[in-house]
Amino acid sequence: MSELKKIREEQHLTQEELAEKSGLSVRTIQRIEAGTEPKGYTLKTLARSLSVSEKDLLTPINTPLETETEKPIFVETEKEEPDYGLIKIINLSSIPLAWFPVVNFMPPLLIMLFTKEKSSIVKQIISLQIILAIILPIVFMIIVLLKLGHSSVIATIVLLVLINVFIILRNAYEIDRAKCLRYKLNFSII
């Protein structure tokens, strides 16, 4: 039972009477009595209307002994640790096709499917390579369409390949060092 409900019932008030006395809606009082903690203006208004301190309206913190007895008991299952060696191989498998960004996500994807290593890190690696497979050709096409010259096109190709190789190698280093990725997306495509 919420502290508000206890105090309201001790003062022989209905929810409607308390709403009228405090100027708050009945729905607000119902929400607080259902477990929502009152804050700010609502807390001050209720405390003033019931002539109690704000602290009296807040739910008391359980002692550690009470908390332990109320918690359900869960049997902890061991979560299988991903194979970071395999994850590193999956990441590095993009390097042979780094010069052809449209398909550089295929080797990691195929290795993931054959080895059934579907950890979130592997999904991030493949998602990043898919995004690069979309973005890098677009950048290349923009340079070509701008007609900046043959040397600009060659320099762009070399730069895009080097960027992709750098991302792959930097992520491989982070997998070894911290078991995470340095460059990753905030979402997963697969």
N, C-alpha and C. Protein backbone atom coordinates (compact mmCIF):
# COMPACT_ATOMS: atom_id res chain seq x y z
N MET A 1 0.85 -1.18 0.00
CA MET A 1 0.00 0.00 0.00
C MET A 1 0.89 1.24 0.00
N SER A 2 0.52 2.23 -0.81
CA SER A 2 1.35 3.44 -0.90
C SER A 2 1.18 4.29 0.35
N GLU A 3 2.18 5.11 0.59
CA GLU A 3 2.15 6.00 1.75
C GLU A 3 1.00 7.00 1.64
N LEU A 4 0.73 7.48 0.44
CA LEU A 4 -0.37 8.43 0.23
C LEU A 4 -1.69 7.81 0.63
N LYS A 5 -1.93 6.59 0.21
CA LYS A 5 -3.19 5.92 0.52
C LYS A 5 -3.34 5.72 2.03
N LYS A 6 -2.24 5.32 2.69
CA LYS A 6 -2.28 5.14 4.16
C LYS A 6 -2.67 6.44 4.85
N ILE A 7 -1.99 7.52 4.47
CA ILE A 7 -2.26 8.82 5.12
C ILE A 7 -3.67 9.30 4.79
N ARG A 8 -4.09 9.16 3.53
CA ARG A 8 -5.43 9.59 3.14
C ARG A 8 -6.50 8.83 3.92
N GLU A 9 -6.33 7.52 4.06
CA GLU A 9 -7.31 6.73 4.80
C GLU A 9 -7.29 7.04 6.29
N GLU A 10 -6.09 7.33 6.84
CA GLU A 10 -6.00 7.72 8.25
C GLU A 10 -6.77 9.02 8.51
N GLN A 11 -6.80 9.90 7.51
CA GLN A 11 -7.50 11.18 7.66
C GLN A 11 -8.94 11.09 7.17
N HIS A 12 -9.40 9.87 6.86
CA HIS A 12 -10.78 9.59 6.45
C HIS A 12 -11.20 10.44 5.25
N LEU A 13 -10.32 10.47 4.23
CA LEU A 13 -10.61 11.20 3.00
C LEU A 13 -10.75 10.22 1.84
N THR A 14 -11.67 10.51 0.94
CA THR A 14 -11.75 9.73 -0.29
C THR A 14 -10.78 10.34 -1.30
N GLN A 15 -10.54 9.64 -2.39
CA GLN A 15 -9.67 10.18 -3.42
C GLN A 15 -10.25 11.48 -3.99
N GLU A 16 -11.56 11.51 -4.13
CA GLU A 16 -12.22 12.69 -4.68
C GLU A 16 -12.07 13.88 -3.72
N GLU A 17 -12.22 13.63 -2.43
CA GLU A 17 -12.10 14.71 -1.44
C GLU A 17 -10.66 15.24 -1.42
N LEU A 18 -9.68 14.34 -1.48
CA LEU A 18 -8.29 14.78 -1.51
C LEU A 18 -7.99 15.56 -2.78
N ALA A 19 -8.55 15.12 -3.89
CA ALA A 19 -8.36 15.85 -5.15
C ALA A 19 -8.91 17.26 -5.04
N GLU A 20 -10.08 17.39 -4.48
CA GLU A 20 -10.70 18.71 -4.33
C GLU A 20 -9.89 19.58 -3.37
N LYS A 21 -9.44 18.99 -2.27
CA LYS A 21 -8.69 19.73 -1.25
C LYS A 21 -7.32 20.19 -1.78
N SER A 22 -6.69 19.33 -2.61
CA SER A 22 -5.34 19.64 -3.09
C SER A 22 -5.33 20.38 -4.42
N GLY A 23 -6.42 20.27 -5.17
CA GLY A 23 -6.45 20.88 -6.50
C GLY A 23 -5.83 19.99 -7.57
N LEU A 24 -5.46 18.78 -7.20
CA LEU A 24 -4.92 17.81 -8.17
C LEU A 24 -6.06 16.97 -8.72
N SER A 25 -5.82 16.30 -9.82
CA SER A 25 -6.87 15.46 -10.39
C SER A 25 -6.96 14.14 -9.64
N VAL A 26 -8.13 13.54 -9.71
CA VAL A 26 -8.34 12.23 -9.08
C VAL A 26 -7.39 11.22 -9.74
N ARG A 27 -7.21 11.34 -11.04
CA ARG A 27 -6.34 10.42 -11.77
C ARG A 27 -4.90 10.49 -11.25
N THR A 28 -4.42 11.69 -10.93
CA THR A 28 -3.07 11.85 -10.38
C THR A 28 -2.95 11.13 -9.05
N ILE A 29 -3.96 11.29 -8.22
CA ILE A 29 -3.95 10.62 -6.91
C ILE A 29 -3.99 9.11 -7.09
N GLN A 30 -4.78 8.64 -8.04
CA GLN A 30 -4.85 7.20 -8.30
C GLN A 30 -3.50 6.66 -8.76
N ARG A 31 -2.83 7.39 -9.61
CA ARG A 31 -1.51 6.95 -10.10
C ARG A 31 -0.51 6.86 -8.96
N ILE A 32 -0.52 7.86 -8.09
CA ILE A 32 0.42 7.87 -6.97
C ILE A 32 0.11 6.71 -6.03
N GLU A 33 -1.15 6.47 -5.79
CA GLU A 33 -1.52 5.36 -4.91
C GLU A 33 -1.22 4.01 -5.56
N ALA A 34 -1.14 3.98 -6.88
CA ALA A 34 -0.81 2.74 -7.58
C ALA A 34 0.69 2.48 -7.61
N GLY A 35 1.49 3.45 -7.17
CA GLY A 35 2.93 3.20 -7.09
C GLY A 35 3.83 4.24 -7.70
N THR A 36 3.28 5.24 -8.42
CA THR A 36 4.10 6.30 -8.98
C THR A 36 4.53 7.24 -7.86
N GLU A 37 5.82 7.54 -7.80
CA GLU A 37 6.33 8.44 -6.76
C GLU A 37 5.94 9.88 -7.10
N PRO A 38 5.35 10.62 -6.16
CA PRO A 38 5.06 12.03 -6.43
C PRO A 38 6.35 12.83 -6.42
N LYS A 39 6.41 13.85 -7.28
CA LYS A 39 7.61 14.68 -7.37
C LYS A 39 7.21 16.14 -7.48
N GLY A 40 8.15 16.98 -7.15
CA GLY A 40 8.01 18.41 -7.35
C GLY A 40 6.74 19.02 -6.80
N TYR A 41 6.02 19.73 -7.66
CA TYR A 41 4.81 20.44 -7.28
C TYR A 41 3.77 19.51 -6.67
N THR A 42 3.59 18.34 -7.28
CA THR A 42 2.59 17.39 -6.79
C THR A 42 2.91 16.95 -5.37
N LEU A 43 4.18 16.64 -5.11
CA LEU A 43 4.60 16.21 -3.78
C LEU A 43 4.36 17.31 -2.75
N LYS A 44 4.74 18.54 -3.09
CA LYS A 44 4.55 19.66 -2.16
C LYS A 44 3.07 19.94 -1.90
N THR A 45 2.27 19.88 -2.95
CA THR A 45 0.84 20.15 -2.82
C THR A 45 0.17 19.11 -1.94
N LEU A 46 0.49 17.84 -2.15
CA LEU A 46 -0.11 16.77 -1.33
C LEU A 46 0.33 16.89 0.12
N ALA A 47 1.61 17.17 0.33
CA ALA A 47 2.11 17.31 1.71
C ALA A 47 1.41 18.45 2.42
N ARG A 48 1.24 19.58 1.74
CA ARG A 48 0.58 20.74 2.33
C ARG A 48 -0.90 20.43 2.58
N SER A 49 -1.57 19.76 1.64
CA SER A 49 -3.00 19.46 1.77
C SER A 49 -3.27 18.47 2.90
N LEU A 50 -2.35 17.54 3.13
CA LEU A 50 -2.55 16.52 4.17
C LEU A 50 -1.89 16.90 5.49
N SER A 51 -1.19 18.04 5.52
CA SER A 51 -0.48 18.52 6.71
C SER A 51 0.54 17.49 7.20
N VAL A 52 1.32 16.98 6.25
CA VAL A 52 2.40 16.04 6.57
C VAL A 52 3.66 16.52 5.86
N SER A 53 4.79 15.95 6.22
CA SER A 53 6.03 16.33 5.53
C SER A 53 6.10 15.58 4.19
N GLU A 54 6.86 16.14 3.29
CA GLU A 54 7.03 15.50 1.97
C GLU A 54 7.63 14.12 2.12
N LYS A 55 8.53 13.98 3.10
CA LYS A 55 9.19 12.70 3.33
C LYS A 55 8.19 11.61 3.70
N ASP A 56 7.12 11.99 4.39
CA ASP A 56 6.12 11.00 4.79
C ASP A 56 5.37 10.41 3.61
N LEU A 57 5.31 11.14 2.49
CA LEU A 57 4.58 10.67 1.31
C LEU A 57 5.41 9.75 0.42
N LEU A 58 6.71 9.74 0.62
CA LEU A 58 7.57 8.91 -0.21
C LEU A 58 7.62 7.49 0.33
N THR A 59 7.76 6.53 -0.57
CA THR A 59 7.81 5.12 -0.18
C THR A 59 9.08 4.87 0.61
N PRO A 60 8.96 4.26 1.78
CA PRO A 60 10.16 4.00 2.58
C PRO A 60 11.08 3.01 1.87
N ILE A 61 12.36 3.18 2.08
CA ILE A 61 13.36 2.28 1.49
C ILE A 61 13.43 1.04 2.36
N ASN A 62 13.35 -0.13 1.71
CA ASN A 62 13.43 -1.40 2.44
C ASN A 62 14.84 -1.62 2.95
N THR A 63 14.93 -2.29 4.09
CA THR A 63 16.23 -2.66 4.61
C THR A 63 16.75 -3.82 3.77
N PRO A 64 18.06 -4.07 3.77
CA PRO A 64 18.60 -5.17 2.97
C PRO A 64 17.96 -6.51 3.30
N LEU A 65 17.62 -6.76 4.57
CA LEU A 65 17.02 -8.03 4.95
C LEU A 65 15.65 -8.20 4.30
N GLU A 66 14.84 -7.12 4.29
CA GLU A 66 13.52 -7.18 3.67
C GLU A 66 13.65 -7.39 2.17
N THR A 67 14.60 -6.71 1.55
CA THR A 67 14.79 -6.81 0.11
C THR A 67 15.17 -8.22 -0.29
N GLU A 68 16.04 -8.85 0.48
CA GLU A 68 16.49 -10.19 0.16
C GLU A 68 15.34 -11.20 0.22
N THR A 69 14.44 -11.06 1.19
CA THR A 69 13.36 -12.03 1.32
C THR A 69 12.31 -11.84 0.24
N GLU A 70 12.19 -10.63 -0.31
CA GLU A 70 11.18 -10.37 -1.32
C GLU A 70 11.62 -10.77 -2.72
N LYS A 71 12.92 -10.88 -2.96
CA LYS A 71 13.42 -11.17 -4.30
C LYS A 71 13.19 -12.64 -4.64
N PRO A 72 12.73 -12.91 -5.87
CA PRO A 72 12.63 -14.31 -6.28
C PRO A 72 14.02 -14.90 -6.50
N ILE A 73 14.13 -16.17 -6.31
CA ILE A 73 15.42 -16.83 -6.46
C ILE A 73 15.56 -17.29 -7.90
N PHE A 74 16.66 -16.88 -8.53
CA PHE A 74 16.94 -17.26 -9.91
C PHE A 74 18.18 -18.15 -9.92
N VAL A 75 18.13 -19.17 -10.71
CA VAL A 75 19.31 -20.00 -10.91
C VAL A 75 20.11 -19.35 -12.03
N GLU A 76 21.34 -19.00 -11.73
CA GLU A 76 22.16 -18.31 -12.70
C GLU A 76 22.72 -19.30 -13.70
N THR A 77 22.45 -19.05 -14.96
CA THR A 77 22.99 -19.92 -16.00
C THR A 77 24.20 -19.26 -16.60
N GLU A 78 25.18 -20.06 -16.95
CA GLU A 78 26.40 -19.51 -17.53
C GLU A 78 26.12 -19.10 -18.97
N LYS A 79 26.44 -17.87 -19.27
CA LYS A 79 26.30 -17.39 -20.63
C LYS A 79 27.58 -17.76 -21.36
N GLU A 80 27.42 -18.39 -22.53
CA GLU A 80 28.58 -18.85 -23.26
C GLU A 80 29.37 -17.66 -23.78
N GLU A 81 30.65 -17.67 -23.48
CA GLU A 81 31.57 -16.62 -23.92
C GLU A 81 31.81 -16.77 -25.42
N PRO A 82 31.72 -15.67 -26.18
CA PRO A 82 31.99 -15.78 -27.61
C PRO A 82 33.45 -16.16 -27.86
N ASP A 83 33.71 -16.79 -28.98
CA ASP A 83 35.06 -17.18 -29.38
C ASP A 83 35.71 -15.97 -30.05
N TYR A 84 36.54 -15.25 -29.28
CA TYR A 84 37.12 -14.01 -29.79
C TYR A 84 38.15 -14.26 -30.89
N GLY A 85 38.79 -15.42 -30.91
CA GLY A 85 39.69 -15.77 -32.00
C GLY A 85 38.93 -15.87 -33.31
N LEU A 86 37.79 -16.54 -33.26
CA LEU A 86 36.95 -16.67 -34.45
C LEU A 86 36.38 -15.31 -34.86
N ILE A 87 36.00 -14.51 -33.89
CA ILE A 87 35.47 -13.17 -34.18
C ILE A 87 36.54 -12.33 -34.89
N LYS A 88 37.78 -12.46 -34.45
CA LYS A 88 38.87 -11.73 -35.07
C LYS A 88 39.06 -12.20 -36.52
N ILE A 89 38.97 -13.51 -36.75
CA ILE A 89 39.09 -14.06 -38.11
C ILE A 89 37.95 -13.54 -38.98
N ILE A 90 36.75 -13.52 -38.42
CA ILE A 90 35.59 -13.01 -39.16
C ILE A 90 35.82 -11.55 -39.56
N ASN A 91 36.35 -10.77 -38.63
CA ASN A 91 36.63 -9.36 -38.92
C ASN A 91 37.70 -9.22 -40.01
N LEU A 92 38.79 -9.97 -39.87
CA LEU A 92 39.90 -9.84 -40.82
C LEU A 92 39.58 -10.43 -42.19
N SER A 93 38.53 -11.25 -42.28
CA SER A 93 38.20 -11.86 -43.58
C SER A 93 37.71 -10.82 -44.60
N SER A 94 37.43 -9.62 -44.17
CA SER A 94 37.02 -8.56 -45.10
C SER A 94 38.19 -7.96 -45.86
N ILE A 95 39.41 -8.13 -45.35
CA ILE A 95 40.58 -7.49 -45.96
C ILE A 95 40.82 -7.91 -47.42
N PRO A 96 40.74 -9.21 -47.78
CA PRO A 96 41.02 -9.56 -49.17
C PRO A 96 40.11 -8.85 -50.18
N LEU A 97 38.90 -8.51 -49.78
CA LEU A 97 37.99 -7.83 -50.71
C LEU A 97 37.79 -6.36 -50.35
N ALA A 98 38.70 -5.80 -49.57
CA ALA A 98 38.59 -4.39 -49.19
C ALA A 98 38.66 -3.48 -50.41
N TRP A 99 39.33 -3.91 -51.45
CA TRP A 99 39.44 -3.12 -52.69
C TRP A 99 38.13 -3.11 -53.48
N PHE A 100 37.21 -4.03 -53.15
CA PHE A 100 35.93 -4.12 -53.85
C PHE A 100 34.81 -4.04 -52.81
N PRO A 101 34.51 -2.82 -52.34
CA PRO A 101 33.64 -2.65 -51.16
C PRO A 101 32.21 -3.17 -51.32
N VAL A 102 31.77 -3.39 -52.54
CA VAL A 102 30.39 -3.85 -52.72
C VAL A 102 30.20 -5.26 -52.16
N VAL A 103 31.26 -6.07 -52.13
CA VAL A 103 31.12 -7.45 -51.64
C VAL A 103 32.02 -7.76 -50.44
N ASN A 104 32.65 -6.75 -49.85
CA ASN A 104 33.58 -7.04 -48.76
C ASN A 104 32.91 -7.56 -47.49
N PHE A 105 31.59 -7.50 -47.41
CA PHE A 105 30.89 -8.05 -46.25
C PHE A 105 30.56 -9.54 -46.43
N MET A 106 30.75 -10.07 -47.64
CA MET A 106 30.40 -11.46 -47.91
C MET A 106 31.25 -12.48 -47.14
N PRO A 107 32.60 -12.36 -47.13
CA PRO A 107 33.38 -13.35 -46.36
C PRO A 107 32.98 -13.43 -44.88
N PRO A 108 32.84 -12.27 -44.16
CA PRO A 108 32.43 -12.39 -42.75
C PRO A 108 31.03 -13.00 -42.60
N LEU A 109 30.15 -12.65 -43.53
CA LEU A 109 28.79 -13.18 -43.47
C LEU A 109 28.78 -14.69 -43.67
N LEU A 110 29.53 -15.17 -44.64
CA LEU A 110 29.59 -16.61 -44.90
C LEU A 110 30.24 -17.36 -43.74
N ILE A 111 31.32 -16.81 -43.18
CA ILE A 111 31.96 -17.46 -42.03
C ILE A 111 31.01 -17.51 -40.85
N MET A 112 30.28 -16.41 -40.62
CA MET A 112 29.30 -16.39 -39.53
C MET A 112 28.25 -17.49 -39.71
N LEU A 113 27.75 -17.64 -40.94
CA LEU A 113 26.71 -18.63 -41.20
C LEU A 113 27.24 -20.06 -41.04
N PHE A 114 28.47 -20.32 -41.52
CA PHE A 114 29.01 -21.67 -41.43
C PHE A 114 29.43 -22.05 -40.01
N THR A 115 29.95 -21.09 -39.25
CA THR A 115 30.41 -21.38 -37.89
C THR A 115 29.32 -21.18 -36.84
N LYS A 116 28.23 -20.57 -37.25
CA LYS A 116 27.11 -20.26 -36.35
C LYS A 116 27.52 -19.37 -35.18
N GLU A 117 28.52 -18.54 -35.39
CA GLU A 117 28.95 -17.55 -34.40
C GLU A 117 28.14 -16.29 -34.65
N LYS A 118 27.05 -16.13 -33.89
CA LYS A 118 26.14 -15.02 -34.13
C LYS A 118 26.10 -14.05 -32.94
N SER A 119 27.26 -13.78 -32.38
CA SER A 119 27.31 -12.85 -31.26
C SER A 119 27.05 -11.43 -31.75
N SER A 120 26.78 -10.54 -30.83
CA SER A 120 26.49 -9.15 -31.21
C SER A 120 27.70 -8.48 -31.86
N ILE A 121 28.91 -8.87 -31.47
CA ILE A 121 30.11 -8.28 -32.06
C ILE A 121 30.19 -8.65 -33.55
N VAL A 122 29.92 -9.92 -33.86
CA VAL A 122 29.97 -10.36 -35.26
C VAL A 122 28.90 -9.63 -36.07
N LYS A 123 27.72 -9.48 -35.50
CA LYS A 123 26.66 -8.76 -36.21
C LYS A 123 27.05 -7.31 -36.45
N GLN A 124 27.75 -6.71 -35.49
CA GLN A 124 28.23 -5.33 -35.67
C GLN A 124 29.28 -5.25 -36.76
N ILE A 125 30.19 -6.24 -36.81
CA ILE A 125 31.23 -6.25 -37.84
C ILE A 125 30.59 -6.29 -39.23
N ILE A 126 29.64 -7.21 -39.40
CA ILE A 126 29.00 -7.36 -40.70
C ILE A 126 28.15 -6.13 -41.03
N SER A 127 27.44 -5.60 -40.05
CA SER A 127 26.63 -4.40 -40.29
C SER A 127 27.50 -3.23 -40.73
N LEU A 128 28.63 -3.06 -40.08
CA LEU A 128 29.55 -1.98 -40.46
C LEU A 128 30.05 -2.16 -41.89
N GLN A 129 30.40 -3.40 -42.26
CA GLN A 129 30.88 -3.65 -43.62
C GLN A 129 29.77 -3.43 -44.66
N ILE A 130 28.54 -3.75 -44.30
CA ILE A 130 27.41 -3.51 -45.21
C ILE A 130 27.22 -2.01 -45.42
N ILE A 131 27.28 -1.24 -44.34
CA ILE A 131 27.16 0.22 -44.45
C ILE A 131 28.30 0.77 -45.31
N LEU A 132 29.51 0.28 -45.09
CA LEU A 132 30.64 0.73 -45.92
C LEU A 132 30.44 0.33 -47.38
N ALA A 133 29.83 -0.85 -47.61
CA ALA A 133 29.56 -1.29 -48.98
C ALA A 133 28.54 -0.39 -49.67
N ILE A 134 27.77 0.32 -48.90
CA ILE A 134 26.79 1.26 -49.47
C ILE A 134 27.43 2.64 -49.64
N ILE A 135 28.13 3.11 -48.61
CA ILE A 135 28.66 4.48 -48.60
C ILE A 135 29.85 4.66 -49.54
N LEU A 136 30.81 3.73 -49.53
CA LEU A 136 32.03 3.92 -50.31
C LEU A 136 31.76 4.02 -51.82
N PRO A 137 30.91 3.17 -52.41
CA PRO A 137 30.63 3.36 -53.84
C PRO A 137 29.93 4.69 -54.14
N ILE A 138 29.10 5.16 -53.22
CA ILE A 138 28.44 6.45 -53.41
C ILE A 138 29.47 7.57 -53.46
N VAL A 139 30.42 7.53 -52.51
CA VAL A 139 31.49 8.54 -52.50
C VAL A 139 32.29 8.46 -53.80
N PHE A 140 32.62 7.25 -54.23
CA PHE A 140 33.37 7.06 -55.47
C PHE A 140 32.60 7.65 -56.66
N MET A 141 31.31 7.36 -56.73
CA MET A 141 30.51 7.85 -57.85
C MET A 141 30.41 9.38 -57.84
N ILE A 142 30.35 9.97 -56.69
CA ILE A 142 30.31 11.44 -56.60
C ILE A 142 31.60 12.03 -57.16
N ILE A 143 32.74 11.43 -56.81
CA ILE A 143 34.03 11.92 -57.32
C ILE A 143 34.09 11.76 -58.84
N VAL A 144 33.59 10.64 -59.35
CA VAL A 144 33.59 10.41 -60.80
C VAL A 144 32.69 11.44 -61.49
N LEU A 145 31.50 11.66 -60.94
CA LEU A 145 30.56 12.59 -61.56
C LEU A 145 31.03 14.05 -61.50
N LEU A 146 31.84 14.37 -60.53
CA LEU A 146 32.38 15.72 -60.44
C LEU A 146 33.46 15.99 -61.49
N LYS A 147 33.92 14.93 -62.14
CA LYS A 147 34.93 15.02 -63.22
C LYS A 147 36.15 15.82 -62.78
N LEU A 148 36.72 15.39 -61.65
CA LEU A 148 37.89 16.07 -61.12
C LEU A 148 39.19 15.58 -61.76
N GLY A 149 39.09 14.59 -62.59
CA GLY A 149 40.29 14.10 -63.27
C GLY A 149 40.63 12.68 -62.86
N HIS A 150 41.46 12.06 -63.70
CA HIS A 150 41.87 10.67 -63.50
C HIS A 150 42.61 10.47 -62.17
N SER A 151 43.49 11.40 -61.84
CA SER A 151 44.27 11.26 -60.60
C SER A 151 43.39 11.36 -59.36
N SER A 152 42.34 12.16 -59.41
CA SER A 152 41.41 12.27 -58.27
C SER A 152 40.65 10.98 -58.07
N VAL A 153 40.27 10.34 -59.17
CA VAL A 153 39.54 9.07 -59.08
C VAL A 153 40.44 8.00 -58.47
N ILE A 154 41.67 7.90 -58.93
CA ILE A 154 42.63 6.92 -58.40
C ILE A 154 42.90 7.19 -56.93
N ALA A 155 43.12 8.45 -56.58
CA ALA A 155 43.39 8.82 -55.19
C ALA A 155 42.19 8.48 -54.31
N THR A 156 40.98 8.69 -54.81
CA THR A 156 39.77 8.36 -54.05
C THR A 156 39.66 6.86 -53.81
N ILE A 157 39.93 6.07 -54.86
CA ILE A 157 39.88 4.61 -54.70
C ILE A 157 40.87 4.16 -53.64
N VAL A 158 42.10 4.64 -53.74
CA VAL A 158 43.13 4.25 -52.77
C VAL A 158 42.74 4.69 -51.36
N LEU A 159 42.24 5.90 -51.22
CA LEU A 159 41.84 6.41 -49.91
C LEU A 159 40.69 5.59 -49.31
N LEU A 160 39.70 5.26 -50.11
CA LEU A 160 38.56 4.48 -49.61
C LEU A 160 38.98 3.08 -49.18
N VAL A 161 39.87 2.46 -49.96
CA VAL A 161 40.38 1.13 -49.58
C VAL A 161 41.18 1.22 -48.29
N LEU A 162 42.01 2.23 -48.17
CA LEU A 162 42.82 2.40 -46.95
C LEU A 162 41.94 2.66 -45.73
N ILE A 163 40.89 3.43 -45.89
CA ILE A 163 39.97 3.69 -44.78
C ILE A 163 39.33 2.38 -44.33
N ASN A 164 38.87 1.58 -45.29
CA ASN A 164 38.24 0.31 -44.96
C ASN A 164 39.23 -0.63 -44.26
N VAL A 165 40.45 -0.74 -44.78
CA VAL A 165 41.47 -1.59 -44.16
C VAL A 165 41.81 -1.10 -42.76
N PHE A 166 41.91 0.23 -42.59
CA PHE A 166 42.20 0.79 -41.27
C PHE A 166 41.10 0.41 -40.27
N ILE A 167 39.84 0.54 -40.68
CA ILE A 167 38.73 0.21 -39.78
C ILE A 167 38.79 -1.27 -39.39
N ILE A 168 39.06 -2.13 -40.35
CA ILE A 168 39.14 -3.57 -40.08
C ILE A 168 40.29 -3.87 -39.11
N LEU A 169 41.47 -3.32 -39.37
CA LEU A 169 42.63 -3.58 -38.51
C LEU A 169 42.47 -2.98 -37.12
N ARG A 170 41.88 -1.79 -37.05
CA ARG A 170 41.68 -1.16 -35.73
C ARG A 170 40.68 -1.96 -34.90
N ASN A 171 39.63 -2.46 -35.55
CA ASN A 171 38.67 -3.30 -34.83
C ASN A 171 39.32 -4.62 -34.39
N ALA A 172 40.20 -5.18 -35.22
CA ALA A 172 40.90 -6.42 -34.85
C ALA A 172 41.77 -6.18 -33.61
N TYR A 173 42.44 -5.04 -33.56
CA TYR A 173 43.25 -4.70 -32.40
C TYR A 173 42.38 -4.59 -31.13
N GLU A 174 41.24 -3.93 -31.26
CA GLU A 174 40.35 -3.77 -30.10
C GLU A 174 39.75 -5.11 -29.66
N ILE A 175 39.50 -6.01 -30.61
CA ILE A 175 38.99 -7.34 -30.23
C ILE A 175 40.03 -8.05 -29.38
N ASP A 176 41.32 -7.96 -29.77
CA ASP A 176 42.39 -8.56 -28.98
C ASP A 176 42.54 -7.89 -27.62
N ARG A 177 42.54 -6.57 -27.62
CA ARG A 177 42.83 -5.81 -26.41
C ARG A 177 41.67 -5.78 -25.42
N ALA A 178 40.47 -5.41 -25.90
CA ALA A 178 39.35 -5.15 -24.98
C ALA A 178 38.11 -5.99 -25.26
N LYS A 179 38.20 -6.90 -26.23
CA LYS A 179 37.07 -7.76 -26.58
C LYS A 179 35.82 -6.96 -26.98
N CYS A 180 36.07 -5.87 -27.71
CA CYS A 180 34.99 -5.05 -28.24
C CYS A 180 35.46 -4.41 -29.54
N LEU A 181 34.61 -3.63 -30.15
CA LEU A 181 34.96 -2.97 -31.41
C LEU A 181 35.24 -1.50 -31.19
N ARG A 182 36.21 -0.97 -31.90
CA ARG A 182 36.50 0.47 -31.83
C ARG A 182 35.49 1.24 -32.68
N TYR A 183 35.23 0.73 -33.89
CA TYR A 183 34.29 1.38 -34.80
C TYR A 183 33.08 0.47 -34.95
N LYS A 184 31.95 0.95 -34.53
CA LYS A 184 30.72 0.17 -34.64
C LYS A 184 29.54 1.10 -34.82
N LEU A 185 28.41 0.53 -35.18
CA LEU A 185 27.19 1.29 -35.37
C LEU A 185 26.35 1.22 -34.09
N ASN A 186 25.41 2.12 -33.97
CA ASN A 186 24.49 2.09 -32.84
C ASN A 186 23.31 1.16 -33.09
N PHE A 187 23.32 0.49 -34.23
CA PHE A 187 22.25 -0.43 -34.59
C PHE A 187 22.87 -1.60 -35.34
N SER A 188 22.09 -2.65 -35.53
CA SER A 188 22.57 -3.82 -36.26
C SER A 188 21.65 -4.06 -37.44
N ILE A 189 22.23 -4.27 -38.61
CA ILE A 189 21.44 -4.53 -39.81
C ILE A 189 20.94 -5.97 -39.81
N ILE A 190 21.76 -6.88 -39.28
CA ILE A 190 21.34 -8.29 -39.21
C ILE A 190 21.08 -8.71 -37.79
